[in-house]
C-alpha atoms as a PDB file:
ATOM      1  CA  MET A   1     179.447 145.070 206.992  1.00  0.00           C
ATOM      2  CA  ARG A   2     177.281 146.568 204.250  1.00  0.00           C
ATOM      3  CA  GLU A   3     175.398 148.585 206.879  1.00  0.00           C
ATOM      4  CA  ILE A   4     178.665 150.138 208.086  1.00  0.00           C
ATOM      5  CA  LEU A   5     179.717 150.952 204.519  1.00  0.00           C
ATOM      6  CA  ARG A   6     176.253 152.364 203.808  1.00  0.00           C
ATOM      7  CA  LEU A   7     176.344 154.554 206.930  1.00  0.00           C
ATOM      8  CA  SER A   8     179.854 155.755 206.096  1.00  0.00           C
ATOM      9  CA  SER A   9     178.991 156.607 202.493  1.00  0.00           C
ATOM     10  CA  LEU A  10     175.794 158.429 203.511  1.00  0.00           C
ATOM     11  CA  TYR A  11     177.711 160.359 206.174  1.00  0.00           C
ATOM     12  CA  ASN A  12     180.364 161.223 203.575  1.00  0.00           C
ATOM     13  CA  LYS A  13     177.685 162.654 201.290  1.00  0.00           C
ATOM     14  CA  GLU A  14     175.977 164.626 204.070  1.00  0.00           C
ATOM     15  CA  ALA A  15     179.263 165.990 205.460  1.00  0.00           C
ATOM     16  CA  ASN A  16     180.368 167.125 201.987  1.00  0.00           C
ATOM     17  CA  LYS A  17     176.973 168.758 201.402  1.00  0.00           C
ATOM     18  CA  LYS A  18     177.174 170.669 204.703  1.00  0.00           C
ATOM     19  CA  MET A  19     180.777 171.676 204.053  1.00  0.00           C
ATOM     20  CA  ILE A  20     179.946 172.927 200.555  1.00  0.00           C
ATOM     21  CA  HIS A  21     177.060 174.933 202.000  1.00  0.00           C
ATOM     22  CA  VAL A  22     179.587 176.746 204.225  1.00  0.00           C
ATOM     23  CA  LEU A  23     182.126 177.150 201.422  1.00  0.00           C
ATOM     24  CA  GLU A  24     179.571 178.576 198.969  1.00  0.00           C
ATOM     25  CA  GLY A  25     179.228 181.616 201.209  1.00  0.00           C
ATOM     26  CA  LEU A  26     182.930 182.455 201.048  1.00  0.00           C
ATOM     27  CA  ASP A  27     184.868 184.593 198.605  1.00  0.00           C
ATOM     28  CA  GLU A  28     187.010 182.617 196.161  1.00  0.00           C
ATOM     29  CA  ASN A  29     190.119 184.408 197.475  1.00  0.00           C
ATOM     30  CA  VAL A  30     189.436 182.883 200.888  1.00  0.00           C
ATOM     31  CA  LEU A  31     188.911 179.441 199.385  1.00  0.00           C
ATOM     32  CA  THR A  32     192.191 179.568 197.451  1.00  0.00           C
ATOM     33  CA  LYS A  33     194.262 181.275 200.171  1.00  0.00           C
ATOM     34  CA  ASP A  34     197.322 179.339 201.331  1.00  0.00           C
ATOM     35  CA  MET A  35     196.294 178.221 204.820  1.00  0.00           C
ATOM     36  CA  GLY A  36     199.443 176.205 205.475  1.00  0.00           C
ATOM     37  CA  LEU A  37     197.679 172.928 204.735  1.00  0.00           C
ATOM     38  CA  TYR A  38     199.513 170.153 202.922  1.00  0.00           C
ATOM     39  CA  TYR A  39     197.491 170.966 199.802  1.00  0.00           C
ATOM     40  CA  LYS A  40     197.777 174.662 200.662  1.00  0.00           C
ATOM     41  CA  SER A  41     194.198 175.930 200.427  1.00  0.00           C
ATOM     42  CA  ILE A  42     190.705 174.808 201.317  1.00  0.00           C
ATOM     43  CA  ILE A  43     189.982 174.200 197.639  1.00  0.00           C
ATOM     44  CA  GLY A  44     193.324 172.472 197.067  1.00  0.00           C
ATOM     45  CA  THR A  45     192.489 170.078 199.885  1.00  0.00           C
ATOM     46  CA  MET A  46     188.992 169.436 198.560  1.00  0.00           C
ATOM     47  CA  VAL A  47     190.333 168.819 195.049  1.00  0.00           C
ATOM     48  CA  HIS A  48     192.847 166.318 196.442  1.00  0.00           C
ATOM     49  CA  TYR A  49     190.455 164.112 198.338  1.00  0.00           C
ATOM     50  CA  SER A  50     187.674 164.404 195.748  1.00  0.00           C
ATOM     51  CA  ALA A  51     189.903 163.402 192.827  1.00  0.00           C
ATOM     52  CA  GLY A  52     191.185 160.547 194.976  1.00  0.00           C
ATOM     53  CA  ASP A  53     187.638 159.405 195.742  1.00  0.00           C
ATOM     54  CA  ALA A  54     186.745 159.530 192.040  1.00  0.00           C
ATOM     55  CA  SER A  55     189.702 157.369 191.075  1.00  0.00           C
ATOM     56  CA  PHE A  56     189.467 154.896 193.937  1.00  0.00           C
ATOM     57  CA  PHE A  57     185.767 154.233 193.513  1.00  0.00           C
ATOM     58  CA  LYS A  58     185.820 154.174 189.688  1.00  0.00           C
ATOM     59  CA  ASP A  59     189.109 152.352 189.102  1.00  0.00           C
ATOM     60  CA  TYR A  60     189.240 150.010 192.085  1.00  0.00           C
ATOM     61  CA  PHE A  61     185.939 149.458 193.877  1.00  0.00           C
ATOM     62  CA  ALA A  62     183.360 149.519 191.059  1.00  0.00           C
ATOM     63  CA  SER A  63     184.916 146.350 189.642  1.00  0.00           C
ATOM     64  CA  PHE A  64     183.557 144.441 192.648  1.00  0.00           C
ATOM     65  CA  CYS A  65     179.944 145.415 191.938  1.00  0.00           C
ATOM     66  CA  THR A  66     177.395 142.912 190.715  1.00  0.00           C
ATOM     67  CA  LYS A  67     175.845 145.772 188.725  1.00  0.00           C
ATOM     68  CA  ALA A  68     178.427 148.511 188.375  1.00  0.00           C
ATOM     69  CA  PRO A  69     176.961 152.012 188.221  1.00  0.00           C
ATOM     70  CA  SER A  70     177.751 154.059 185.154  1.00  0.00           C
ATOM     71  CA  ALA A  71     181.117 155.753 185.530  1.00  0.00           C
ATOM     72  CA  SER A  72     180.684 158.077 182.552  1.00  0.00           C
ATOM     73  CA  LYS A  73     180.150 161.195 184.696  1.00  0.00           C
ATOM     74  CA  ILE A  74     183.150 160.288 186.856  1.00  0.00           C
ATOM     75  CA  GLU A  75     185.316 159.633 183.789  1.00  0.00           C
ATOM     76  CA  ALA A  76     184.280 163.048 182.431  1.00  0.00           C
ATOM     77  CA  MET A  77     185.726 164.678 185.575  1.00  0.00           C
ATOM     78  CA  LEU A  78     189.155 163.083 185.453  1.00  0.00           C
ATOM     79  CA  ALA A  79     192.077 164.200 183.303  1.00  0.00           C
ATOM     80  CA  GLU A  80     193.958 161.118 184.475  1.00  0.00           C
ATOM     81  CA  PRO A  81     193.784 158.955 187.592  1.00  0.00           C
ATOM     82  CA  PHE A  82     193.768 161.070 190.763  1.00  0.00           C
ATOM     83  CA  THR A  83     193.636 164.337 188.766  1.00  0.00           C
ATOM     84  CA  PHE A  84     190.565 166.393 187.902  1.00  0.00           C
ATOM     85  CA  LYS A  85     190.228 168.254 184.624  1.00  0.00           C
ATOM     86  CA  THR A  86     191.097 171.957 184.805  1.00  0.00           C
ATOM     87  CA  GLN A  87     187.469 173.080 184.380  1.00  0.00           C
ATOM     88  CA  ILE A  88     186.719 171.418 187.738  1.00  0.00           C
ATOM     89  CA  ILE A  89     189.873 172.580 189.492  1.00  0.00           C
ATOM     90  CA  ASP A  90     189.568 176.177 188.272  1.00  0.00           C
ATOM     91  CA  ASP A  91     185.850 176.723 188.959  1.00  0.00           C
ATOM     92  CA  VAL A  92     184.552 176.131 192.493  1.00  0.00           C
ATOM     93  CA  SER A  93     180.951 175.775 191.323  1.00  0.00           C
ATOM     94  CA  ASN A  94     182.052 172.955 189.000  1.00  0.00           C
ATOM     95  CA  LEU A  95     183.992 171.359 191.858  1.00  0.00           C
ATOM     96  CA  PHE A  96     180.984 171.536 194.169  1.00  0.00           C
ATOM     97  CA  ALA A  97     178.717 170.039 191.491  1.00  0.00           C
ATOM     98  CA  ALA A  98     181.267 167.299 190.782  1.00  0.00           C
ATOM     99  CA  ARG A  99     181.402 166.439 194.476  1.00  0.00           C
ATOM    100  CA  GLU A 100     177.634 165.884 194.567  1.00  0.00           C
ATOM    101  CA  VAL A 101     177.778 163.573 191.538  1.00  0.00           C
ATOM    102  CA  LEU A 102     180.718 161.759 193.077  1.00  0.00           C
ATOM    103  CA  ASP A 103     178.981 161.255 196.437  1.00  0.00           C
ATOM    104  CA  ASN A 104     175.989 159.678 194.696  1.00  0.00           C
ATOM    105  CA  TYR A 105     178.328 157.452 192.687  1.00  0.00           C
ATOM    106  CA  ILE A 106     180.082 156.303 195.882  1.00  0.00           C
ATOM    107  CA  ILE A 107     176.729 155.332 197.396  1.00  0.00           C
ATOM    108  CA  ASP A 108     175.831 153.418 194.217  1.00  0.00           C
ATOM    109  CA  VAL A 109     179.112 151.513 194.340  1.00  0.00           C
ATOM    110  CA  VAL A 110     178.647 150.655 198.026  1.00  0.00           C
ATOM    111  CA  GLU A 111     175.084 149.480 197.385  1.00  0.00           C
ATOM    112  CA  ASN A 112     176.119 147.265 194.473  1.00  0.00           C
ATOM    113  CA  ILE A 113     179.246 145.537 195.753  1.00  0.00           C
ATOM    114  CA  SER A 114     178.460 141.858 195.864  1.00  0.00           C
ATOM    115  CA  GLU A 115     178.132 140.269 199.293  1.00  0.00           C
ATOM    116  CA  SER A 116     180.890 137.814 198.448  1.00  0.00           C
ATOM    117  CA  GLU A 117     183.306 140.645 197.651  1.00  0.00           C
ATOM    118  CA  ILE A 118     182.718 142.904 200.677  1.00  0.00           C
ATOM    119  CA  GLY A 119     184.820 140.735 202.977  1.00  0.00           C
ATOM    120  CA  ALA A 120     187.008 139.147 200.325  1.00  0.00           C
ATOM    121  CA  ILE A 121     190.714 139.757 200.681  1.00  0.00           C
ATOM    122  CA  ARG A 122     192.036 141.263 197.487  1.00  0.00           C
ATOM    123  CA  THR A 123     195.344 142.689 196.346  1.00  0.00           C
ATOM    124  CA  LEU A 124     194.974 146.116 194.770  1.00  0.00           C
ATOM    125  CA  ASP A 125     197.825 147.629 192.801  1.00  0.00           C
ATOM    126  CA  PHE A 126     197.985 151.339 193.532  1.00  0.00           C
ATOM    127  CA  PRO A 127     200.448 153.757 191.909  1.00  0.00           C
ATOM    128  CA  TRP A 128     202.561 153.649 195.099  1.00  0.00           C
ATOM    129  CA  GLY A 129     202.450 149.860 195.522  1.00  0.00           C
ATOM    130  CA  ALA A 130     200.263 146.847 196.099  1.00  0.00           C
ATOM    131  CA  MET A 131     198.183 146.354 199.234  1.00  0.00           C
ATOM    132  CA  GLN A 132     196.230 143.319 200.380  1.00  0.00           C
ATOM    133  CA  LYS A 133     193.127 143.716 202.570  1.00  0.00           C
ATOM    134  CA  PRO A 134     189.431 142.906 202.648  1.00  0.00           C
ATOM    135  CA  ILE A 135     187.500 145.180 200.263  1.00  0.00           C
ATOM    136  CA  PHE A 136     185.505 146.746 203.102  1.00  0.00           C
ATOM    137  CA  GLN A 137     188.756 147.912 204.736  1.00  0.00           C
ATOM    138  CA  PHE A 138     189.882 149.614 201.535  1.00  0.00           C
ATOM    139  CA  ILE A 139     186.542 151.401 201.232  1.00  0.00           C
ATOM    140  CA  LEU A 140     186.457 152.471 204.886  1.00  0.00           C
ATOM    141  CA  GLY A 141     190.032 153.691 204.545  1.00  0.00           C
ATOM    142  CA  ILE A 142     189.176 155.925 201.591  1.00  0.00           C
ATOM    143  CA  LEU A 143     186.031 157.297 203.244  1.00  0.00           C
ATOM    144  CA  ASN A 144     188.111 157.990 206.368  1.00  0.00           C
ATOM    145  CA  HIS A 145     190.664 159.785 204.180  1.00  0.00           C
ATOM    146  CA  ALA A 146     187.898 162.205 203.134  1.00  0.00           C
ATOM    147  CA  THR A 147     186.925 162.716 206.786  1.00  0.00           C
ATOM    148  CA  HIS A 148     190.545 163.513 207.601  1.00  0.00           C
ATOM    149  CA  HIS A 149     190.700 166.179 204.899  1.00  0.00           C
ATOM    150  CA  ARG A 150     187.322 167.674 205.823  1.00  0.00           C
ATOM    151  CA  GLY A 151     188.785 168.006 209.319  1.00  0.00           C
ATOM    152  CA  MET A 152     191.702 169.963 207.878  1.00  0.00           C
ATOM    153  CA  ILE A 153     189.234 172.222 206.067  1.00  0.00           C
ATOM    154  CA  ALA A 154     187.239 172.684 209.300  1.00  0.00           C
ATOM    155  CA  GLY A 155     190.455 173.710 211.065  1.00  0.00           C
ATOM    156  CA  ALA A 156     191.238 176.247 208.338  1.00  0.00           C
ATOM    157  CA  LEU A 157     187.708 177.637 208.630  1.00  0.00           C
ATOM    158  CA  ASP A 158     188.141 177.890 212.402  1.00  0.00           C
ATOM    159  CA  ILE A 159     191.319 179.926 211.879  1.00  0.00           C
ATOM    160  CA  LEU A 160     189.368 182.176 209.518  1.00  0.00           C
ATOM    161  CA  LYS A 161     186.611 182.444 212.178  1.00  0.00           C
ATOM    162  CA  VAL A 162     184.022 180.962 209.817  1.00  0.00           C
ATOM    163  CA  ASP A 163     181.299 179.001 211.596  1.00  0.00           C
ATOM    164  CA  ASN A 164     181.262 175.406 210.441  1.00  0.00           C
ATOM    165  CA  ASP A 165     179.973 172.064 211.610  1.00  0.00           C
ATOM    166  CA  PHE A 166     179.802 169.260 209.122  1.00  0.00           C
ATOM    167  CA  ASN A 167     180.329 166.483 211.602  1.00  0.00           C
ATOM    168  CA  GLY A 168     177.591 164.206 212.757  1.00  0.00           C
ATOM    169  CA  MET A 169     177.518 160.626 211.528  1.00  0.00           C
ATOM    170  CA  LEU A 170     174.827 159.920 214.095  1.00  0.00           C
ATOM    171  CA  SER A 171     172.455 162.326 212.353  1.00  0.00           C
ATOM    172  CA  VAL A 172     172.525 160.337 209.097  1.00  0.00           C
END
């Protein structure tokens, strides 16, 4: 199971890196334009799933690590759980830099979750209610959530006729 989590976290990092490379070439007005997405804009969507990743991995999954990676950089990003500080939300270069730090943190968490915890069934209390599943299912679910939102961003870029391709788990 660790190999699947490792592959998924490495793919997550590579897909975010490729997506950011595309987004860096766009005007901020394009990035913040209401594209009819649930979180309105490309940046709004990226902020949503990135702040979620930060909170899930810091507040829920790091506790299952034998040697938890330092969360100080992640804590510095968050105003509160699931919400980035305004200096990240309001500055795309800060958001892109935060995403890189976050992707490395996710990989560190995945690498350091104890073998006994990966498949252990745990109850996690989220703001919307408790859920009970094996830890690996929670982690795969959150990484899939990011893939879902990157897909929304890819669709918005397609509408804008901006070349993009940040798919490719097999290339990791």
